[in-house]
């Protein structure tokens, strides 16, 4: 398996700017690790979606979509648990 390219949705880009620095470093680290392994320990497939997963980083959730044929991961959204599922 090759290295995946990471893309961010407009919503993810907007929300990443609001994340406090102490969490942001951990979140970026987890996203960078997705390039080599899109299904790390702790990632969970979201029910009702084809290739959408979520990864917990403290109180934050990273929701992303995996495109294996193109080796692309799209970061759909990053937000706290209370907000991420209510959109």
PDB file of N, CA and C in Angstrom:
ATOM      1  N   UNK A   1       0.854  -1.193   0.000  1.00  0.00           N
ATOM      2  CA  UNK A   1       0.000   0.000   0.000  1.00  0.00           C
ATOM      3  C   UNK A   1       0.887   1.238   0.000  1.00  0.00           C
ATOM      4  N   UNK A   2       0.575   2.190  -0.861  1.00  0.00           N
ATOM      5  CA  UNK A   2       1.370   3.409  -0.962  1.00  0.00           C
ATOM      6  C   UNK A   2       0.969   4.440   0.075  1.00  0.00           C
ATOM      7  N   UNK A   3       1.534   5.605  -0.073  1.00  0.00           N
ATOM      8  CA  UNK A   3       1.249   6.694   0.850  1.00  0.00           C
ATOM      9  C   UNK A   3       0.005   7.453   0.374  1.00  0.00           C
ATOM     10  N   UNK A   4      -0.888   7.726   1.284  1.00  0.00           N
ATOM     11  CA  UNK A   4      -2.126   8.435   0.955  1.00  0.00           C
ATOM     12  C   UNK A   4      -1.898   9.936   0.951  1.00  0.00           C
ATOM     13  N   UNK A   5      -2.649  10.620   0.104  1.00  0.00           N
ATOM     14  CA  UNK A   5      -2.632  12.080   0.068  1.00  0.00           C
ATOM     15  C   UNK A   5      -3.787  12.556   0.952  1.00  0.00           C
ATOM     16  N   UNK A   6      -3.542  13.592   1.749  1.00  0.00           N
ATOM     17  CA  UNK A   6      -4.570  14.121   2.648  1.00  0.00           C
ATOM     18  C   UNK A   6      -5.149  15.403   2.051  1.00  0.00           C
ATOM     19  N   UNK A   7      -6.472  15.453   1.928  1.00  0.00           N
ATOM     20  CA  UNK A   7      -7.185  16.667   1.513  1.00  0.00           C
ATOM     21  C   UNK A   7      -8.139  17.060   2.633  1.00  0.00           C
ATOM     22  N   UNK A   8      -8.435  18.349   2.716  1.00  0.00           N
ATOM     23  CA  UNK A   8      -9.337  18.860   3.755  1.00  0.00           C
ATOM     24  C   UNK A   8     -10.559  19.489   3.109  1.00  0.00           C
ATOM     25  N   UNK A   9     -11.728  19.201   3.660  1.00  0.00           N
ATOM     26  CA  UNK A   9     -12.945  19.881   3.205  1.00  0.00           C
ATOM     27  C   UNK A   9     -12.905  21.324   3.707  1.00  0.00           C
ATOM     28  N   UNK A  10     -13.758  22.143   3.158  1.00  0.00           N
ATOM     29  CA  UNK A  10     -13.829  23.546   3.575  1.00  0.00           C
ATOM     30  C   UNK A  10     -14.210  23.643   5.060  1.00  0.00           C
ATOM     31  N   UNK A  11     -15.133  22.797   5.499  1.00  0.00           N
ATOM     32  CA  UNK A  11     -15.566  22.798   6.902  1.00  0.00           C
ATOM     33  C   UNK A  11     -14.409  22.418   7.816  1.00  0.00           C
ATOM     34  N   UNK A  12     -13.650  21.401   7.423  1.00  0.00           N
ATOM     35  CA  UNK A  12     -12.512  20.968   8.239  1.00  0.00           C
ATOM     36  C   UNK A  12     -11.479  22.081   8.343  1.00  0.00           C
ATOM     37  N   UNK A  13     -11.208  22.767   7.240  1.00  0.00           N
ATOM     38  CA  UNK A  13     -10.240  23.872   7.259  1.00  0.00           C
ATOM     39  C   UNK A  13     -10.711  24.985   8.199  1.00  0.00           C
ATOM     40  N   UNK A  14     -12.020  25.264   8.154  1.00  0.00           N
ATOM     41  CA  UNK A  14     -12.579  26.311   9.011  1.00  0.00           C
ATOM     42  C   UNK A  14     -12.482  25.920  10.487  1.00  0.00           C
ATOM     43  N   UNK A  15     -12.817  24.672  10.801  1.00  0.00           N
ATOM     44  CA  UNK A  15     -12.811  24.217  12.188  1.00  0.00           C
ATOM     45  C   UNK A  15     -11.408  24.033  12.750  1.00  0.00           C
ATOM     46  N   UNK A  16     -10.464  23.663  11.902  1.00  0.00           N
ATOM     47  CA  UNK A  16      -9.097  23.451  12.384  1.00  0.00           C
ATOM     48  C   UNK A  16      -8.499  24.765  12.893  1.00  0.00           C
ATOM     49  N   UNK A  17      -8.942  25.867  12.316  1.00  0.00           N
ATOM     50  CA  UNK A  17      -8.445  27.182  12.733  1.00  0.00           C
ATOM     51  C   UNK A  17      -8.927  27.550  14.140  1.00  0.00           C
ATOM     52  N   UNK A  18      -9.996  26.921  14.608  1.00  0.00           N
ATOM     53  CA  UNK A  18     -10.577  27.241  15.923  1.00  0.00           C
ATOM     54  C   UNK A  18     -10.035  26.362  17.050  1.00  0.00           C
ATOM     55  N   UNK A  19      -9.256  25.337  16.704  1.00  0.00           N
ATOM     56  CA  UNK A  19      -8.801  24.372  17.708  1.00  0.00           C
ATOM     57  C   UNK A  19      -7.641  24.950  18.516  1.00  0.00           C
ATOM     58  N   UNK A  20      -7.706  24.823  19.851  1.00  0.00           N
ATOM     59  CA  UNK A  20      -6.607  25.309  20.689  1.00  0.00           C
ATOM     60  C   UNK A  20      -5.292  24.601  20.347  1.00  0.00           C
ATOM     61  N   UNK A  21      -4.186  25.316  20.461  1.00  0.00           N
ATOM     62  CA  UNK A  21      -2.871  24.814  20.051  1.00  0.00           C
ATOM     63  C   UNK A  21      -2.511  23.479  20.688  1.00  0.00           C
ATOM     64  N   UNK A  22      -2.826  23.304  21.979  1.00  0.00           N
ATOM     65  CA  UNK A  22      -2.439  22.054  22.643  1.00  0.00           C
ATOM     66  C   UNK A  22      -3.101  20.837  22.003  1.00  0.00           C
ATOM     67  N   UNK A  23      -4.332  20.960  21.538  1.00  0.00           N
ATOM     68  CA  UNK A  23      -5.006  19.862  20.845  1.00  0.00           C
ATOM     69  C   UNK A  23      -4.574  19.774  19.387  1.00  0.00           C
ATOM     70  N   UNK A  24      -4.311  20.928  18.794  1.00  0.00           N
ATOM     71  CA  UNK A  24      -4.003  20.978  17.366  1.00  0.00           C
ATOM     72  C   UNK A  24      -2.777  20.127  17.020  1.00  0.00           C
ATOM     73  N   UNK A  25      -1.748  20.176  17.848  1.00  0.00           N
ATOM     74  CA  UNK A  25      -0.538  19.396  17.587  1.00  0.00           C
ATOM     75  C   UNK A  25      -0.850  17.902  17.539  1.00  0.00           C
ATOM     76  N   UNK A  26      -1.643  17.419  18.495  1.00  0.00           N
ATOM     77  CA  UNK A  26      -2.021  16.002  18.532  1.00  0.00           C
ATOM     78  C   UNK A  26      -2.876  15.630  17.325  1.00  0.00           C
ATOM     79  N   UNK A  27      -3.809  16.502  16.979  1.00  0.00           N
ATOM     80  CA  UNK A  27      -4.710  16.239  15.851  1.00  0.00           C
ATOM     81  C   UNK A  27      -3.921  16.157  14.547  1.00  0.00           C
ATOM     82  N   UNK A  28      -3.019  17.114  14.334  1.00  0.00           N
ATOM     83  CA  UNK A  28      -2.194  17.114  13.120  1.00  0.00           C
ATOM     84  C   UNK A  28      -1.330  15.852  13.068  1.00  0.00           C
ATOM     85  N   UNK A  29      -0.802  15.452  14.214  1.00  0.00           N
ATOM     86  CA  UNK A  29       0.014  14.240  14.287  1.00  0.00           C
ATOM     87  C   UNK A  29      -0.807  13.011  13.860  1.00  0.00           C
ATOM     88  N   UNK A  30      -2.038  12.904  14.362  1.00  0.00           N
ATOM     89  CA  UNK A  30      -2.912  11.780  13.989  1.00  0.00           C
ATOM     90  C   UNK A  30      -3.256  11.813  12.497  1.00  0.00           C
ATOM     91  N   UNK A  31      -3.514  13.004  11.970  1.00  0.00           N
ATOM     92  CA  UNK A  31      -3.835  13.135  10.543  1.00  0.00           C
ATOM     93  C   UNK A  31      -2.626  12.729   9.698  1.00  0.00           C
ATOM     94  N   UNK A  32      -1.435  13.173  10.103  1.00  0.00           N
ATOM     95  CA  UNK A  32      -0.218  12.807   9.363  1.00  0.00           C
ATOM     96  C   UNK A  32      -0.012  11.294   9.341  1.00  0.00           C
ATOM     97  N   UNK A  33      -0.354  10.634  10.447  1.00  0.00           N
ATOM     98  CA  UNK A  33      -0.198   9.180  10.523  1.00  0.00           C
ATOM     99  C   UNK A  33      -1.165   8.448   9.586  1.00  0.00           C
ATOM    100  N   UNK A  34      -2.286   9.102   9.247  1.00  0.00           N
ATOM    101  CA  UNK A  34      -3.251   8.492   8.328  1.00  0.00           C
ATOM    102  C   UNK A  34      -2.651   8.290   6.935  1.00  0.00           C
ATOM    103  N   UNK A  35      -1.638   9.090   6.572  1.00  0.00           N
ATOM    104  CA  UNK A  35      -1.001   8.960   5.255  1.00  0.00           C
ATOM    105  C   UNK A  35      -0.461   7.547   5.050  1.00  0.00           C
ATOM    106  N   UNK A  36       0.049   6.946   6.111  1.00  0.00           N
ATOM    107  CA  UNK A  36       0.632   5.602   6.023  1.00  0.00           C
ATOM    108  C   UNK A  36      -0.347   4.502   6.396  1.00  0.00           C
ATOM    109  N   UNK A  37      -1.316   4.820   7.253  1.00  0.00           N
ATOM    110  CA  UNK A  37      -2.286   3.822   7.701  1.00  0.00           C
ATOM    111  C   UNK A  37      -3.642   4.494   7.900  1.00  0.00           C
ATOM    112  N   UNK A  38      -4.552   4.359   6.928  1.00  0.00           N
ATOM    113  CA  UNK A  38      -5.857   5.023   7.043  1.00  0.00           C
ATOM    114  C   UNK A  38      -6.798   4.374   8.052  1.00  0.00           C
ATOM    115  N   UNK A  39      -6.389   3.217   8.598  1.00  0.00           N
ATOM    116  CA  UNK A  39      -7.238   2.521   9.563  1.00  0.00           C
ATOM    117  C   UNK A  39      -6.450   2.235  10.848  1.00  0.00           C
ATOM    118  N   UNK A  40      -6.020   3.285  11.559  1.00  0.00           N
ATOM    119  CA  UNK A  40      -5.220   3.045  12.773  1.00  0.00           C
ATOM    120  C   UNK A  40      -6.082   2.475  13.900  1.00  0.00           C
ATOM    121  N   UNK A  41      -5.421   1.971  14.939  1.00  0.00           N
ATOM    122  CA  UNK A  41      -6.151   1.510  16.123  1.00  0.00           C
ATOM    123  C   UNK A  41      -7.010   2.650  16.632  1.00  0.00           C
ATOM    124  N   UNK A  42      -8.253   2.354  16.968  1.00  0.00           N
ATOM    125  CA  UNK A  42      -9.152   3.380  17.482  1.00  0.00           C
ATOM    126  C   UNK A  42     -10.029   4.004  16.425  1.00  0.00           C
ATOM    127  N   UNK A  43      -9.722   3.785  15.147  1.00  0.00           N
ATOM    128  CA  UNK A  43     -10.596   4.353  14.114  1.00  0.00           C
ATOM    129  C   UNK A  43     -11.833   3.470  14.017  1.00  0.00           C
ATOM    130  N   UNK A  44     -12.957   4.102  13.768  1.00  0.00           N
ATOM    131  CA  UNK A  44     -14.222   3.369  13.693  1.00  0.00           C
ATOM    132  C   UNK A  44     -14.962   3.759  12.433  1.00  0.00           C
ATOM    133  N   UNK A  45     -15.482   2.759  11.727  1.00  0.00           N
ATOM    134  CA  UNK A  45     -16.285   3.027  10.537  1.00  0.00           C
ATOM    135  C   UNK A  45     -17.638   3.563  10.993  1.00  0.00           C
ATOM    136  N   UNK A  46     -18.090   4.621  10.349  1.00  0.00           N
ATOM    137  CA  UNK A  46     -19.387   5.184  10.710  1.00  0.00           C
ATOM    138  C   UNK A  46     -20.499   4.431   9.983  1.00  0.00           C
ATOM    139  N   UNK A  47     -21.509   4.046  10.733  1.00  0.00           N
ATOM    140  CA  UNK A  47     -22.643   3.295  10.202  1.00  0.00           C
ATOM    141  C   UNK A  47     -23.426   4.167   9.224  1.00  0.00           C
ATOM    142  N   UNK A  48     -23.802   3.592   8.103  1.00  0.00           N
ATOM    143  CA  UNK A  48     -24.612   4.311   7.129  1.00  0.00           C
ATOM    144  C   UNK A  48     -23.792   5.029   6.067  1.00  0.00           C
ATOM    145  N   UNK A  49     -22.481   4.927   6.148  1.00  0.00           N
ATOM    146  CA  UNK A  49     -21.601   5.563   5.165  1.00  0.00           C
ATOM    147  C   UNK A  49     -20.678   4.505   4.586  1.00  0.00           C
ATOM    148  N   UNK A  50     -20.302   4.697   3.332  1.00  0.00           N
ATOM    149  CA  UNK A  50     -19.489   3.686   2.665  1.00  0.00           C
ATOM    150  C   UNK A  50     -18.049   3.626   3.169  1.00  0.00           C
ATOM    151  N   UNK A  51     -17.340   4.718   3.109  1.00  0.00           N
ATOM    152  CA  UNK A  51     -15.914   4.728   3.454  1.00  0.00           C
ATOM    153  C   UNK A  51     -15.581   5.827   4.454  1.00  0.00           C
ATOM    154  N   UNK A  52     -16.475   6.088   5.387  1.00  0.00           N
ATOM    155  CA  UNK A  52     -16.277   7.178   6.344  1.00  0.00           C
ATOM    156  C   UNK A  52     -15.931   6.604   7.717  1.00  0.00           C
ATOM    157  N   UNK A  53     -14.888   7.182   8.309  1.00  0.00           N
ATOM    158  CA  UNK A  53     -14.388   6.718   9.598  1.00  0.00           C
ATOM    159  C   UNK A  53     -14.238   7.899  10.537  1.00  0.00           C
ATOM    160  N   UNK A  54     -14.127   7.580  11.821  1.00  0.00           N
ATOM    161  CA  UNK A  54     -13.854   8.636  12.791  1.00  0.00           C
ATOM    162  C   UNK A  54     -12.717   8.188  13.681  1.00  0.00           C
ATOM    163  N   UNK A  55     -11.965   9.173  14.133  1.00  0.00           N
ATOM    164  CA  UNK A  55     -10.827   8.924  14.995  1.00  0.00           C
ATOM    165  C   UNK A  55     -10.934   9.887  16.163  1.00  0.00           C
ATOM    166  N   UNK A  56     -10.794   9.368  17.375  1.00  0.00           N
ATOM    167  CA  UNK A  56     -10.873  10.210  18.563  1.00  0.00           C
ATOM    168  C   UNK A  56      -9.490  10.722  18.934  1.00  0.00           C
ATOM    169  N   UNK A  57      -9.438  12.018  19.242  1.00  0.00           N
ATOM    170  CA  UNK A  57      -8.223  12.634  19.772  1.00  0.00           C
ATOM    171  C   UNK A  57      -8.682  13.490  20.948  1.00  0.00           C
ATOM    172  N   UNK A  58      -8.615  12.929  22.150  1.00  0.00           N
ATOM    173  CA  UNK A  58      -9.137  13.629  23.328  1.00  0.00           C
ATOM    174  C   UNK A  58     -10.629  13.846  23.173  1.00  0.00           C
ATOM    175  N   UNK A  59     -11.065  15.085  23.333  1.00  0.00           N
ATOM    176  CA  UNK A  59     -12.490  15.393  23.181  1.00  0.00           C
ATOM    177  C   UNK A  59     -12.860  15.664  21.724  1.00  0.00           C
ATOM    178  N   UNK A  60     -11.875  15.681  20.844  1.00  0.00           N
ATOM    179  CA  UNK A  60     -12.120  15.967  19.424  1.00  0.00           C
ATOM    180  C   UNK A  60     -12.318  14.693  18.624  1.00  0.00           C
ATOM    181  N   UNK A  61     -13.028  14.843  17.509  1.00  0.00           N
ATOM    182  CA  UNK A  61     -13.239  13.751  16.573  1.00  0.00           C
ATOM    183  C   UNK A  61     -12.777  14.213  15.197  1.00  0.00           C
ATOM    184  N   UNK A  62     -12.067  13.335  14.520  1.00  0.00           N
ATOM    185  CA  UNK A  62     -11.673  13.574  13.134  1.00  0.00           C
ATOM    186  C   UNK A  62     -12.535  12.629  12.299  1.00  0.00           C
ATOM    187  N   UNK A  63     -13.353  13.187  11.424  1.00  0.00           N
ATOM    188  CA  UNK A  63     -14.184  12.370  10.544  1.00  0.00           C
ATOM    189  C   UNK A  63     -13.571  12.464   9.150  1.00  0.00           C
ATOM    190  N   UNK A  64     -13.284  11.285   8.573  1.00  0.00           N
ATOM    191  CA  UNK A  64     -12.596  11.282   7.284  1.00  0.00           C
ATOM    192  C   UNK A  64     -13.106  10.172   6.382  1.00  0.00           C
ATOM    193  N   UNK A  65     -12.878  10.393   5.089  1.00  0.00           N
ATOM    194  CA  UNK A  65     -13.322   9.452   4.070  1.00  0.00           C
ATOM    195  C   UNK A  65     -12.090   8.894   3.362  1.00  0.00           C
ATOM    196  N   UNK A  66     -12.073   7.574   3.176  1.00  0.00           N
ATOM    197  CA  UNK A  66     -10.920   6.916   2.552  1.00  0.00           C
ATOM    198  C   UNK A  66     -11.273   6.509   1.124  1.00  0.00           C
ATOM    199  N   UNK A  67     -10.412   6.897   0.182  1.00  0.00           N
ATOM    200  CA  UNK A  67     -10.545   6.510  -1.227  1.00  0.00           C
ATOM    201  C   UNK A  67      -9.321   5.673  -1.570  1.00  0.00           C
ATOM    202  N   UNK A  68      -9.453   4.353  -1.447  1.00  0.00           N
ATOM    203  CA  UNK A  68      -8.308   3.458  -1.625  1.00  0.00           C
ATOM    204  C   UNK A  68      -7.770   3.422  -3.057  1.00  0.00           C
ATOM    205  N   UNK A  69      -8.639   3.505  -4.045  1.00  0.00           N
ATOM    206  CA  UNK A  69      -8.176   3.435  -5.437  1.00  0.00           C
ATOM    207  C   UNK A  69      -7.279   4.617  -5.784  1.00  0.00           C
ATOM    208  N   UNK A  70      -7.644   5.797  -5.292  1.00  0.00           N
ATOM    209  CA  UNK A  70      -6.875   7.004  -5.600  1.00  0.00           C
ATOM    210  C   UNK A  70      -5.811   7.300  -4.549  1.00  0.00           C
ATOM    211  N   UNK A  71      -5.788   6.518  -3.453  1.00  0.00           N
ATOM    212  CA  UNK A  71      -4.888   6.771  -2.313  1.00  0.00           C
ATOM    213  C   UNK A  71      -5.070   8.188  -1.781  1.00  0.00           C
ATOM    214  N   UNK A  72      -6.339   8.539  -1.530  1.00  0.00           N
ATOM    215  CA  UNK A  72      -6.682   9.870  -1.015  1.00  0.00           C
ATOM    216  C   UNK A  72      -7.532   9.709   0.246  1.00  0.00           C
ATOM    217  N   UNK A  73      -7.244  10.541   1.230  1.00  0.00           N
ATOM    218  CA  UNK A  73      -8.068  10.637   2.431  1.00  0.00           C
ATOM    219  C   UNK A  73      -8.589  12.059   2.497  1.00  0.00           C
ATOM    220  N   UNK A  74      -9.898  12.199   2.623  1.00  0.00           N
ATOM    221  CA  UNK A  74     -10.494  13.524   2.748  1.00  0.00           C
ATOM    222  C   UNK A  74     -10.926  13.712   4.197  1.00  0.00           C
ATOM    223  N   UNK A  75     -10.360  14.718   4.835  1.00  0.00           N
ATOM    224  CA  UNK A  75     -10.758  15.064   6.193  1.00  0.00           C
ATOM    225  C   UNK A  75     -12.055  15.855   6.053  1.00  0.00           C
ATOM    226  N   UNK A  76     -13.159  15.238   6.466  1.00  0.00           N
ATOM    227  CA  UNK A  76     -14.476  15.851   6.291  1.00  0.00           C
ATOM    228  C   UNK A  76     -14.714  16.914   7.346  1.00  0.00           C
ATOM    229  N   UNK A  77     -14.407  16.576   8.607  1.00  0.00           N
ATOM    230  CA  UNK A  77     -14.681  17.511   9.696  1.00  0.00           C
ATOM    231  C   UNK A  77     -13.812  17.168  10.898  1.00  0.00           C
ATOM    232  N   UNK A  78     -13.522  18.187  11.684  1.00  0.00           N
ATOM    233  CA  UNK A  78     -12.808  18.030  12.956  1.00  0.00           C
ATOM    234  C   UNK A  78     -13.535  18.919  13.950  1.00  0.00           C
ATOM    235  N   UNK A  79     -14.041  18.312  15.018  1.00  0.00           N
ATOM    236  CA  UNK A  79     -14.768  19.110  16.009  1.00  0.00           C
ATOM    237  C   UNK A  79     -14.894  18.304  17.294  1.00  0.00           C
ATOM    238  N   UNK A  80     -15.404  18.948  18.337  1.00  0.00           N
ATOM    239  CA  UNK A  80     -15.618  18.236  19.599  1.00  0.00           C
ATOM    240  C   UNK A  80     -16.799  17.286  19.442  1.00  0.00           C
ATOM    241  N   UNK A  81     -16.824  16.278  20.275  1.00  0.00           N
ATOM    242  CA  UNK A  81     -17.817  15.215  20.159  1.00  0.00           C
ATOM    243  C   UNK A  81     -19.244  15.746  20.111  1.00  0.00           C
ATOM    244  N   UNK A  82     -19.577  16.692  20.949  1.00  0.00           N
ATOM    245  CA  UNK A  82     -20.941  17.222  21.011  1.00  0.00           C
ATOM    246  C   UNK A  82     -21.399  17.889  19.741  1.00  0.00           C
ATOM    247  N   UNK A  83     -20.451  18.414  18.946  1.00  0.00           N
ATOM    248  CA  UNK A  83     -20.802  19.134  17.723  1.00  0.00           C
ATOM    249  C   UNK A  83     -20.715  18.279  16.474  1.00  0.00           C
ATOM    250  N   UNK A  84     -19.799  17.331  16.451  1.00  0.00           N
ATOM    251  CA  UNK A  84     -19.461  16.619  15.216  1.00  0.00           C
ATOM    252  C   UNK A  84     -20.640  15.829  14.655  1.00  0.00           C
ATOM    253  N   UNK A  85     -21.448  15.234  15.518  1.00  0.00           N
ATOM    254  CA  UNK A  85     -22.526  14.378  15.031  1.00  0.00           C
ATOM    255  C   UNK A  85     -23.853  15.116  14.884  1.00  0.00           C
ATOM    256  N   UNK A  86     -23.881  16.392  15.231  1.00  0.00           N
ATOM    257  CA  UNK A  86     -25.127  17.166  15.171  1.00  0.00           C
ATOM    258  C   UNK A  86     -25.152  18.129  13.997  1.00  0.00           C
ATOM    259  N   UNK A  87     -24.499  17.762  12.912  1.00  0.00           N
ATOM    260  CA  UNK A  87     -24.444  18.690  11.771  1.00  0.00           C
ATOM    261  C   UNK A  87     -25.275  18.182  10.629  1.00  0.00           C
TER     262      UNK A  87
END
